Protein backbone atom coordinates (compact mmCIF):
# COMPACT_ATOMS: atom_id res chain seq x y z
CA MET A 1 -8.22 144.67 19.02
CA ARG A 2 -4.56 145.31 18.51
CA ARG A 3 -4.68 143.47 15.00
CA GLY A 4 -7.54 145.78 14.23
CA GLY A 5 -5.46 148.89 14.80
CA ALA A 6 -2.51 147.24 13.20
CA ALA A 7 -4.98 146.55 9.65
CA GLY A 8 -5.22 150.53 9.64
CA LEU A 9 -8.85 150.12 10.92
CA ASP A 10 -10.53 153.34 11.98
CA ALA A 11 -13.48 151.09 13.93
CA ILE A 12 -14.11 147.52 14.29
CA ALA A 13 -17.10 145.52 15.59
CA LEU A 14 -17.16 142.59 18.09
CA THR A 15 -19.96 140.31 16.98
CA ASP A 16 -19.14 136.98 18.72
CA HIS A 17 -22.30 134.68 18.55
CA ASP A 18 -25.65 135.22 21.00
CA THR A 19 -23.09 136.75 23.73
CA VAL A 20 -21.70 140.17 24.74
CA ALA A 21 -19.43 138.79 27.56
CA GLY A 22 -16.12 139.70 25.28
CA ILE A 23 -16.58 143.33 25.03
CA ALA A 24 -14.99 144.63 28.29
CA GLU A 25 -12.15 142.71 27.32
CA ALA A 26 -11.82 144.22 24.05
CA ALA A 27 -12.77 147.42 25.11
CA ASP A 28 -9.54 146.98 27.91
CA GLY A 29 -7.29 146.25 25.11
CA LEU A 30 -8.39 149.33 22.55
CA PRO A 31 -5.48 150.94 21.19
CA SER A 32 -5.41 154.72 20.74
CA GLY A 33 -7.84 156.05 17.83
CA LEU A 34 -9.43 152.98 17.12
CA ILE A 35 -13.55 152.71 17.67
CA LEU A 36 -15.14 149.88 19.27
CA VAL A 37 -18.71 149.00 17.97
CA PRO A 38 -20.25 146.86 20.93
CA GLY A 39 -22.47 143.82 18.85
CA MET A 40 -23.11 140.24 18.61
CA GLU A 41 -24.33 138.02 16.07
CA LEU A 42 -27.61 136.43 16.51
CA SER A 43 -28.19 132.93 15.59
CA CYS A 44 -31.79 132.60 13.73
CA ARG A 45 -33.75 130.14 12.20
CA ARG A 46 -36.48 130.09 9.29
CA ASN A 47 -37.66 126.98 7.38
CA GLY A 48 -35.26 124.86 9.32
CA HIS A 49 -32.11 127.07 7.53
CA SER A 50 -29.79 129.23 9.40
CA VAL A 51 -29.87 133.10 9.10
CA HIS A 52 -27.47 134.97 11.04
CA LEU A 53 -27.88 138.96 11.98
CA LEU A 54 -25.21 141.51 13.12
CA ALA A 55 -26.53 143.48 15.91
CA TYR A 56 -25.17 146.61 16.97
CA LEU A 57 -25.54 149.04 19.64
CA PHE A 58 -28.53 147.78 21.59
CA ASP A 59 -29.01 147.67 25.30
CA PRO A 60 -27.52 144.27 26.50
CA ASP A 61 -29.50 144.38 29.42
CA HIS A 62 -33.04 145.19 27.52
CA PRO A 63 -35.12 142.22 29.22
CA GLU A 64 -36.36 140.54 25.88
CA LEU A 65 -32.83 140.65 24.36
CA ALA A 66 -31.10 139.13 27.20
CA ALA A 67 -33.58 136.34 27.78
CA GLN A 68 -33.61 135.48 24.33
CA THR A 69 -29.80 135.38 24.17
CA GLN A 70 -29.79 133.18 27.33
CA ALA A 71 -32.02 130.61 25.98
CA ILE A 72 -29.81 130.41 22.84
CA ARG A 73 -26.50 129.94 24.92
CA ASP A 74 -28.35 127.44 27.00
CA SER A 75 -29.75 125.61 24.06
CA ARG A 76 -26.43 125.97 22.58
CA ILE A 77 -24.44 123.63 25.78
CA ASP A 78 -27.55 121.11 25.43
CA ARG A 79 -26.73 121.11 21.72
CA ALA A 80 -23.32 120.59 21.61
CA ARG A 81 -23.25 118.08 24.79
CA GLU A 82 -25.78 115.75 22.38
CA MET A 83 -23.41 116.12 19.62
CA VAL A 84 -20.41 115.05 21.56
CA VAL A 85 -22.24 112.19 22.92
CA LYS A 86 -22.78 111.37 19.21
CA LEU A 87 -19.59 111.69 18.17
CA SER A 88 -18.22 109.12 21.06
CA GLU A 89 -20.73 106.69 19.87
CA LEU A 90 -19.50 107.03 16.63
CA GLY A 91 -15.99 106.08 17.80
CA THR A 92 -14.30 109.50 17.57
CA GLY A 93 -12.51 109.90 21.07
CA VAL A 94 -13.70 113.48 21.22
CA THR A 95 -14.86 114.48 24.89
CA TRP A 96 -16.75 116.89 26.53
CA GLU A 97 -13.66 117.98 28.50
CA GLN A 98 -11.64 118.72 25.18
CA VAL A 99 -14.38 121.11 23.90
CA THR A 100 -14.68 122.91 27.01
CA ALA A 101 -11.25 123.58 27.23
CA ILE A 102 -11.20 124.77 23.72
CA ALA A 103 -13.98 126.95 24.07
CA GLY A 104 -12.46 128.42 27.03
CA ASN A 105 -14.97 131.31 28.49
CA GLY A 106 -16.80 131.44 25.23
CA VAL A 107 -20.26 130.47 24.54
CA ILE A 108 -19.87 126.69 23.13
CA GLY A 109 -20.28 126.18 19.40
CA ARG A 110 -19.98 123.58 16.36
CA PRO A 111 -16.25 125.34 16.03
CA HIS A 112 -15.13 124.05 18.99
CA ILE A 113 -16.23 120.75 18.52
CA ALA A 114 -14.80 120.88 14.80
CA ARG A 115 -11.24 121.76 16.68
CA ALA A 116 -11.83 119.05 18.97
CA MET A 117 -12.30 116.53 16.14
CA MET A 118 -9.38 117.75 14.41
CA ALA A 119 -6.96 117.24 17.21
CA ALA A 120 -8.42 114.07 17.76
CA GLY A 121 -7.52 113.00 14.17
CA VAL A 122 -10.87 112.64 13.36
CA VAL A 123 -10.83 114.79 10.65
CA ASP A 124 -8.18 116.53 8.48
CA SER A 125 -9.79 120.33 8.10
CA PHE A 126 -12.40 122.58 9.73
CA ASP A 127 -14.46 122.06 6.58
CA GLU A 128 -14.53 118.42 6.65
CA ALA A 129 -16.10 118.64 9.79
CA PHE A 130 -19.00 120.34 8.63
CA THR A 131 -20.44 118.04 6.34
CA PRO A 132 -23.59 115.64 6.42
CA GLU A 133 -20.93 112.49 7.57
CA TRP A 134 -20.04 114.47 10.88
CA ILE A 135 -21.44 118.18 12.15
CA GLY A 136 -22.86 119.73 9.22
CA PRO A 137 -27.03 120.04 8.95
CA GLY A 138 -28.26 116.60 8.66
CA GLY A 139 -25.07 115.25 9.72
CA ARG A 140 -24.63 111.86 11.73
CA ALA A 141 -23.61 114.08 14.84
CA HIS A 142 -25.69 116.94 14.01
CA VAL A 143 -28.32 118.15 16.56
CA ARG A 144 -30.55 121.13 16.04
CA ARG A 145 -30.65 123.94 18.59
CA TYR A 146 -33.33 126.58 19.93
CA ALA A 147 -33.02 130.00 17.51
CA LEU A 148 -35.13 133.10 17.03
CA ASP A 149 -37.00 133.87 13.91
CA PRO A 150 -34.87 136.60 12.21
CA ALA A 151 -38.01 138.94 11.57
CA GLN A 152 -38.57 138.43 15.92
CA ALA A 153 -34.62 139.23 16.08
CA VAL A 154 -34.93 142.48 14.27
CA ARG A 155 -37.82 143.40 16.52
CA VAL A 156 -36.17 142.19 19.40
CA VAL A 157 -33.00 144.25 18.45
CA GLY A 158 -34.84 147.28 17.70
CA ALA A 159 -36.78 147.22 20.97
CA ALA A 160 -33.40 147.63 22.67
CA GLY A 161 -32.38 150.67 20.45
CA GLY A 162 -30.07 148.20 18.43
CA VAL A 163 -29.52 148.07 14.67
CA CYS A 164 -29.33 144.79 12.21
CA VAL A 165 -27.53 143.87 9.38
CA LEU A 166 -28.31 140.66 7.82
CA ALA A 167 -24.67 138.59 7.72
CA HIS A 168 -23.47 136.95 4.80
CA PRO A 169 -26.91 136.37 2.71
CA PHE A 170 -25.23 134.68 -0.25
CA ALA A 171 -22.78 132.53 1.34
CA GLU A 172 -22.71 129.22 -0.40
CA THR A 173 -20.35 127.70 1.89
CA ARG A 174 -22.69 127.88 5.00
CA GLY A 175 -25.72 125.64 3.18
CA TRP A 176 -28.45 128.20 1.73
CA LEU A 177 -28.22 131.57 0.24
CA VAL A 178 -31.39 133.99 1.71
CA PRO A 179 -34.02 134.81 -0.71
CA GLU A 180 -34.67 138.12 -1.89
CA ASP A 181 -38.33 138.06 -0.29
CA LEU A 182 -36.97 137.72 3.05
CA ILE A 183 -34.37 140.22 2.79
CA THR A 184 -37.47 142.58 1.91
CA GLU A 185 -39.60 140.90 4.53
CA LEU A 186 -36.86 141.69 7.34
CA THR A 187 -36.81 145.49 5.95
CA THR A 188 -40.31 145.96 6.75
CA VAL A 189 -39.67 144.98 10.16
CA GLY A 190 -36.52 147.31 10.55
CA LEU A 191 -33.43 145.69 9.00
CA ALA A 192 -30.63 148.38 8.56
CA GLY A 193 -28.79 146.83 6.28
CA VAL A 194 -26.77 144.17 4.56
CA GLU A 195 -23.43 142.90 4.50
CA VAL A 196 -22.54 142.98 1.06
CA ALA A 197 -18.93 142.63 1.33
CA HIS A 198 -17.94 139.43 3.10
CA PRO A 199 -15.03 136.84 2.17
CA ASP A 200 -17.31 134.10 0.83
CA HIS A 201 -19.55 136.36 -1.69
CA SER A 202 -18.26 136.48 -5.02
CA GLU A 203 -18.07 139.56 -7.29
CA ALA A 204 -21.48 139.00 -8.86
CA GLU A 205 -23.02 138.43 -5.44
CA ARG A 206 -22.04 141.40 -4.39
CA LYS A 207 -23.26 143.23 -7.62
CA GLN A 208 -26.94 141.35 -6.97
CA LEU A 209 -27.12 142.31 -3.10
CA ALA A 210 -25.99 146.16 -3.73
CA GLY A 211 -28.52 146.69 -6.32
CA LEU A 212 -31.04 144.78 -3.61
CA VAL A 213 -29.74 146.82 -0.91
CA THR A 214 -29.93 150.54 -2.98
CA LYS A 215 -33.84 149.35 -4.07
CA LEU A 216 -34.41 148.49 -0.49
CA GLY A 217 -33.13 151.86 1.17
CA LEU A 218 -30.83 149.70 3.21
CA VAL A 219 -26.86 150.28 4.10
CA ALA A 220 -24.61 148.17 2.38
CA THR A 221 -21.70 147.13 4.77
CA GLY A 222 -18.77 144.87 4.63
CA GLY A 223 -16.87 142.83 7.01
CA SER A 224 -14.17 140.40 7.46
CA ASP A 225 -16.11 137.49 9.51
CA ASP A 226 -12.50 136.94 11.00
CA HIS A 227 -12.42 134.03 13.68
CA GLY A 228 -8.90 134.43 14.32
CA GLU A 229 -6.86 130.91 13.26
CA ILE A 230 -9.79 128.94 11.82
CA THR A 231 -10.69 131.59 9.07
CA GLY A 232 -6.87 133.06 8.52
CA ASP A 233 -6.67 135.74 10.77
CA ARG A 234 -8.45 138.22 8.25
CA ILE A 235 -9.10 141.48 9.80
CA GLY A 236 -9.26 144.21 7.70
CA THR A 237 -9.78 142.38 4.48
CA GLU A 238 -13.36 143.73 4.05
CA SER A 239 -14.71 146.98 5.60
CA THR A 240 -17.66 149.25 5.78
CA GLY A 241 -17.74 152.65 3.99
CA ALA A 242 -17.60 155.86 6.23
CA ASP A 243 -21.11 157.09 4.83
CA ALA A 244 -22.57 153.27 6.02
CA PHE A 245 -21.05 153.40 9.18
CA GLU A 246 -22.60 156.62 9.85
CA ARG A 247 -26.12 155.66 8.94
CA LEU A 248 -25.91 152.70 11.00
CA LEU A 249 -24.75 154.80 13.96
CA THR A 250 -27.61 157.61 13.70
CA GLY A 251 -29.99 154.24 13.75
CA ALA A 252 -28.78 153.41 17.21
CA THR A 253 -29.73 154.44 20.57
CA GLY A 254 -29.33 151.68 22.68
CA ALA A 255 -25.48 151.79 23.15
CA SER A 256 -22.32 154.22 22.12
CA VAL A 257 -19.29 153.26 20.25
CA ILE A 258 -16.40 152.95 22.72
CA THR A 259 -13.24 154.85 22.02
CA THR A 260 -9.67 155.25 24.46
């Protein structure tokens, strides 16, 4: 939160994967004048491909949404354990204790396993861990987990009073470009926006997405997708315009922004 304020942002969203556990701590650390938008990044899957949805300003106690996110988090733990077993069988020396120590109080995911692999000298970089050689899709130590269908996720978040934005749909580094027909389908069930400005989107991709967003009447957002040192501490490198921000706020009824 302090880095967000130092970057000159007016508002910042915290969207950890499948959890709102960090919101209270973020609110406590919020500098004067900075608006905190509570949210999370929902893990979804369609036809074997990962789809991420940014959910904002929903009621975290909504029964169906709470049950679904709990199921996703439980699946993450089971999956991570299986992946560590596979890595051990491959002779990496990575242990469950290392992974949990890195994750701390966070929801355990592949980034924590990748960091453990780097610490053990198995790979030299974060990206190297996410290849078919290791923990990338189809990789020797990869394990699939439970995930919502994105259309179902949009409906559930909407029922909880929140709004959904499709995250980094054209980020090729993530292995799949979300097709336009899926974006159109999600719009029919309540999708509010699309993340157009993202560090992994080229200028050509941004223009293509901007045109689609305009055609579908969606909100064009932007975000740094900052994961700390993993992504180079890049808070503030991409942002959402004031008009787009207001449109998202108008569509949400499940929670309010947080200010000091």
